[in-house]
Amino acid sequence: MSRTDSAKSRSIVCLIDIVIYFAAAFGLEVIFGRVIPFPADLRAQLLVQALSKIPLLLLIYLLLRFRRETIAAIGLKTPPGWARALSLGAFLGAGIFIAVLLLERAGLHRDLSAFSFVQGNLELAIYQSIYVAVAAGFFEEFVFRGFLFQRLALLFGGSRAAWIIACVVQATIFGYAHAYQNPNGMFLTGAIGLLFGFVFLRCGRNLWVPIIAHAFYDVARTVMFYFTGPPA
């Protein structure tokens, strides 16, 4: 098989993996959102949402194993130094938190009413903090900056330009996944996804700094919403 044929074959495989993932994600959304009655209790809702992520993580793991790859191939590998990764992640998360806060104060309006349930409720704020640290911080980075980013880059050829294009595409998909926040929210979230993608590349395609930054940011927002509620 020539190099060109090999690249085409790899691109087709990556496209198949992407289609399988999105089909599974849509199927699980239908199952957990329509087939299985959604619990009325907010704590149970967070638990159900967290459990719904497990099959997708397992699917990605199985796809990687089927392709004779490991999770390190998509960036989930030990960083050069944990202290450095933790400090960089916390610094980045704090920087994004401050930047978003300033943008909101300047007039950027998003629909964040979905998080109003944590205002003044310490128990739900704790549950939500744990949920966003795992389901957003880890799961979203594992999927968007890990699996999808790598598969898109290989789909586009694996060159440096392909990784740049893939970075933009994954950020666009990430923004669209937050459509419930209105167009401003989609744009802002997409911009954050683009930044996380750039950080992922600068860190030698290692996911831990984006994971820590994402978790730090979302937990900080939850704490703020507990005291003040989401922005009007």
Protein backbone atom coordinates (compact mmCIF):
# COMPACT_ATOMS: atom_id res chain seq x y z
CA MET A 1 0.00 0.00 0.00
CA SER A 2 1.38 3.39 -1.01
CA ARG A 3 1.71 6.30 1.40
CA THR A 4 -1.22 8.04 -0.31
CA ASP A 5 -3.43 4.95 -0.01
CA SER A 6 -2.40 4.57 3.63
CA ALA A 7 -3.35 8.19 4.38
CA LYS A 8 -6.72 7.76 2.66
CA SER A 9 -7.37 4.56 4.60
CA ARG A 10 -6.51 6.31 7.87
CA SER A 11 -8.79 9.21 7.01
CA ILE A 12 -11.70 6.84 6.30
CA VAL A 13 -11.11 5.05 9.61
CA CYS A 14 -11.13 8.36 11.50
CA LEU A 15 -14.31 9.46 9.75
CA ILE A 16 -15.98 6.17 10.71
CA ASP A 17 -14.91 6.64 14.35
CA ILE A 18 -16.30 10.18 14.41
CA VAL A 19 -19.63 9.05 12.91
CA ILE A 20 -19.86 6.17 15.41
CA TYR A 21 -19.24 8.53 18.33
CA PHE A 22 -21.86 11.09 17.28
CA ALA A 23 -24.41 8.36 16.51
CA ALA A 24 -23.84 6.88 19.97
CA ALA A 25 -24.04 10.32 21.62
CA PHE A 26 -27.33 11.05 19.87
CA GLY A 27 -28.70 7.62 20.76
CA LEU A 28 -27.83 8.06 24.43
CA GLU A 29 -29.38 11.52 24.45
CA VAL A 30 -32.62 10.01 23.16
CA ILE A 31 -32.49 7.19 25.70
CA PHE A 32 -31.70 9.33 28.74
CA GLY A 33 -33.80 12.28 27.66
CA ARG A 34 -36.90 10.65 26.21
CA VAL A 35 -37.07 6.90 26.78
CA ILE A 36 -35.94 6.84 30.42
CA PRO A 37 -38.04 9.23 32.54
CA PHE A 38 -35.85 12.07 33.76
CA PRO A 39 -35.96 12.34 37.57
CA ALA A 40 -37.49 15.43 39.13
CA ASP A 41 -34.94 15.55 41.94
CA LEU A 42 -32.01 17.79 40.96
CA ARG A 43 -29.44 15.58 42.68
CA ALA A 44 -30.73 12.56 40.77
CA GLN A 45 -30.63 14.57 37.54
CA LEU A 46 -26.93 15.31 38.02
CA LEU A 47 -26.29 11.64 38.74
CA VAL A 48 -28.16 10.52 35.61
CA GLN A 49 -26.29 13.06 33.49
CA ALA A 50 -22.96 11.85 34.89
CA LEU A 51 -23.85 8.18 34.30
CA SER A 52 -24.84 8.97 30.71
CA LYS A 53 -21.22 9.95 30.01
CA ILE A 54 -19.79 6.56 31.00
CA PRO A 55 -20.95 4.63 27.87
CA LEU A 56 -19.36 7.29 25.64
CA LEU A 57 -16.05 7.07 27.51
CA LEU A 58 -16.19 3.30 27.19
CA LEU A 59 -17.00 3.57 23.48
CA ILE A 60 -13.98 5.79 22.85
CA TYR A 61 -11.76 3.40 24.79
CA LEU A 62 -13.03 0.43 22.77
CA LEU A 63 -12.56 2.27 19.47
CA LEU A 64 -8.98 3.06 20.44
CA ARG A 65 -8.30 -0.54 21.44
CA PHE A 66 -9.89 -1.79 18.23
CA ARG A 67 -7.53 0.50 16.28
CA ARG A 68 -4.63 -0.77 18.44
CA GLU A 69 -4.19 2.61 20.09
CA THR A 70 -4.10 3.67 23.72
CA ILE A 71 -5.64 6.66 25.49
CA ALA A 72 -2.18 8.24 25.36
CA ALA A 73 -2.68 8.61 21.60
CA ILE A 74 -5.41 11.19 22.22
CA GLY A 75 -3.50 13.02 24.94
CA LEU A 76 -4.42 11.30 28.20
CA LYS A 77 -0.88 10.64 29.36
CA THR A 78 1.23 11.58 32.34
CA PRO A 79 2.40 15.21 32.07
CA PRO A 80 6.13 16.02 32.35
CA GLY A 81 5.43 17.35 35.84
CA TRP A 82 2.23 17.32 37.87
CA ALA A 83 3.09 20.45 39.84
CA ARG A 84 3.63 22.39 36.63
CA ALA A 85 0.45 21.01 35.05
CA LEU A 86 -1.61 21.88 38.14
CA SER A 87 -0.19 25.41 38.37
CA LEU A 88 -0.59 26.10 34.64
CA GLY A 89 -4.11 24.68 34.64
CA ALA A 90 -5.16 26.73 37.67
CA PHE A 91 -3.58 29.88 36.22
CA LEU A 92 -5.31 29.36 32.87
CA GLY A 93 -8.65 28.58 34.49
CA ALA A 94 -8.43 31.69 36.68
CA GLY A 95 -7.49 33.82 33.67
CA ILE A 96 -10.49 32.59 31.69
CA PHE A 97 -12.75 33.14 34.70
CA ILE A 98 -11.62 36.78 35.03
CA ALA A 99 -11.82 37.41 31.28
CA VAL A 100 -15.37 36.01 31.02
CA LEU A 101 -16.45 37.99 34.08
CA LEU A 102 -15.14 41.21 32.52
CA LEU A 103 -16.90 40.41 29.24
CA GLU A 104 -20.18 39.86 31.06
CA ARG A 105 -19.74 43.10 32.97
CA ALA A 106 -19.07 44.81 29.63
CA GLY A 107 -22.41 43.61 28.24
CA LEU A 108 -21.90 40.08 26.84
CA HIS A 109 -25.17 38.34 27.67
CA ARG A 110 -25.56 34.56 27.74
CA ASP A 111 -28.49 32.47 28.87
CA LEU A 112 -27.13 30.74 31.96
CA SER A 113 -30.49 30.26 33.64
CA ALA A 114 -29.92 26.49 33.58
CA PHE A 115 -27.54 26.97 36.50
CA SER A 116 -29.79 29.10 38.67
CA PHE A 117 -30.68 26.10 40.84
CA VAL A 118 -27.37 26.37 42.74
CA GLN A 119 -28.02 29.91 43.99
CA GLY A 120 -28.22 29.87 47.77
CA ASN A 121 -28.31 26.05 47.89
CA LEU A 122 -25.02 24.78 49.31
CA GLU A 123 -25.81 21.09 48.84
CA LEU A 124 -26.68 21.47 45.15
CA ALA A 125 -23.70 23.77 44.63
CA ILE A 126 -21.42 21.02 45.97
CA TYR A 127 -23.08 18.38 43.79
CA GLN A 128 -22.81 20.67 40.76
CA SER A 129 -19.14 21.45 41.47
CA ILE A 130 -18.29 17.75 41.54
CA TYR A 131 -20.35 17.17 38.41
CA VAL A 132 -18.74 19.95 36.35
CA ALA A 133 -15.24 19.00 37.49
CA VAL A 134 -15.76 15.47 36.16
CA ALA A 135 -18.37 15.77 33.39
CA ALA A 136 -17.12 19.09 31.99
CA GLY A 137 -13.49 19.28 33.07
CA PHE A 138 -12.56 15.69 32.30
CA PHE A 139 -15.23 14.36 29.94
CA GLU A 140 -15.45 17.35 27.58
CA GLU A 141 -11.68 17.67 27.29
CA PHE A 142 -11.29 13.93 26.76
CA VAL A 143 -13.88 14.04 23.97
CA PHE A 144 -13.32 17.41 22.27
CA ARG A 145 -9.61 18.17 22.76
CA GLY A 146 -8.70 14.49 22.88
CA PHE A 147 -10.65 12.05 20.74
CA LEU A 148 -12.38 14.38 18.26
CA PHE A 149 -9.39 16.71 17.87
CA GLN A 150 -7.04 13.84 17.05
CA ARG A 151 -9.50 12.07 14.76
CA LEU A 152 -10.27 15.29 12.87
CA ALA A 153 -6.56 16.07 12.44
CA LEU A 154 -5.91 12.61 11.02
CA LEU A 155 -9.05 12.86 8.88
CA PHE A 156 -7.60 16.03 7.32
CA GLY A 157 -4.22 14.39 6.68
CA GLY A 158 -2.27 14.70 9.92
CA SER A 159 -0.11 17.62 8.78
CA ARG A 160 0.50 20.78 10.81
CA ALA A 161 -2.16 22.56 8.77
CA ALA A 162 -4.53 19.65 9.43
CA TRP A 163 -4.09 20.07 13.19
CA ILE A 164 -4.81 23.80 12.91
CA ILE A 165 -7.96 23.17 10.86
CA ALA A 166 -9.01 20.44 13.30
CA CYS A 167 -8.51 22.85 16.20
CA VAL A 168 -10.98 25.29 14.63
CA VAL A 169 -13.47 22.54 13.79
CA GLN A 170 -13.46 20.99 17.26
CA ALA A 171 -13.92 24.44 18.81
CA THR A 172 -16.87 25.08 16.50
CA ILE A 173 -18.49 21.79 17.49
CA PHE A 174 -17.78 22.56 21.14
CA GLY A 175 -19.49 25.93 20.82
CA TYR A 176 -22.51 24.39 19.08
CA ALA A 177 -22.81 21.86 21.91
CA HIS A 178 -23.54 24.83 24.19
CA ALA A 179 -26.35 26.23 22.03
CA TYR A 180 -28.60 26.41 25.10
CA GLN A 181 -26.58 29.47 26.17
CA ASN A 182 -27.78 31.46 23.08
CA PRO A 183 -25.52 32.61 20.17
CA ASN A 184 -23.31 34.70 22.45
CA GLY A 185 -22.74 31.66 24.62
CA MET A 186 -21.93 29.50 21.62
CA PHE A 187 -19.38 32.04 20.37
CA LEU A 188 -17.74 32.47 23.78
CA THR A 189 -17.64 28.75 24.49
CA GLY A 190 -16.23 28.09 21.03
CA ALA A 191 -13.50 30.67 21.69
CA ILE A 192 -12.64 28.93 24.96
CA GLY A 193 -12.55 25.60 23.10
CA LEU A 194 -10.16 27.13 20.58
CA LEU A 195 -7.92 28.35 23.40
CA PHE A 196 -7.96 24.93 25.08
CA GLY A 197 -7.08 23.34 21.73
CA PHE A 198 -4.10 25.66 21.35
CA VAL A 199 -2.96 24.91 24.91
CA PHE A 200 -3.32 21.19 24.21
CA LEU A 201 -0.98 21.52 21.23
CA ARG A 202 1.50 23.71 23.12
CA CYS A 203 1.61 21.13 25.92
CA GLY A 204 2.78 18.44 23.51
CA ARG A 205 -0.75 17.17 22.90
CA ASN A 206 -1.24 16.46 26.59
CA LEU A 207 -4.75 16.87 27.98
CA TRP A 208 -4.05 17.48 31.64
CA VAL A 209 -3.53 21.26 31.59
CA PRO A 210 -6.81 21.84 29.65
CA ILE A 211 -8.61 19.36 31.95
CA ILE A 212 -7.42 21.16 35.09
CA ALA A 213 -8.14 24.61 33.62
CA HIS A 214 -11.62 23.58 32.48
CA ALA A 215 -12.47 22.04 35.85
CA PHE A 216 -11.11 25.08 37.73
CA TYR A 217 -13.12 27.49 35.60
CA ASP A 218 -16.41 25.61 35.85
CA VAL A 219 -16.10 25.04 39.60
CA ALA A 220 -15.27 28.75 40.11
CA ARG A 221 -18.36 29.70 38.11
CA THR A 222 -20.49 27.35 40.20
CA VAL A 223 -19.19 28.91 43.41
CA MET A 224 -19.96 32.38 42.03
CA PHE A 225 -23.47 31.28 40.99
CA TYR A 226 -24.04 29.99 44.53
CA PHE A 227 -23.47 33.46 45.94
CA THR A 228 -24.85 35.71 43.19
CA GLY A 229 -26.78 33.50 40.78
CA PRO A 230 -26.10 33.47 37.03
CA PRO A 231 -25.83 36.87 35.29
CA ALA A 232 -29.21 38.28 34.34
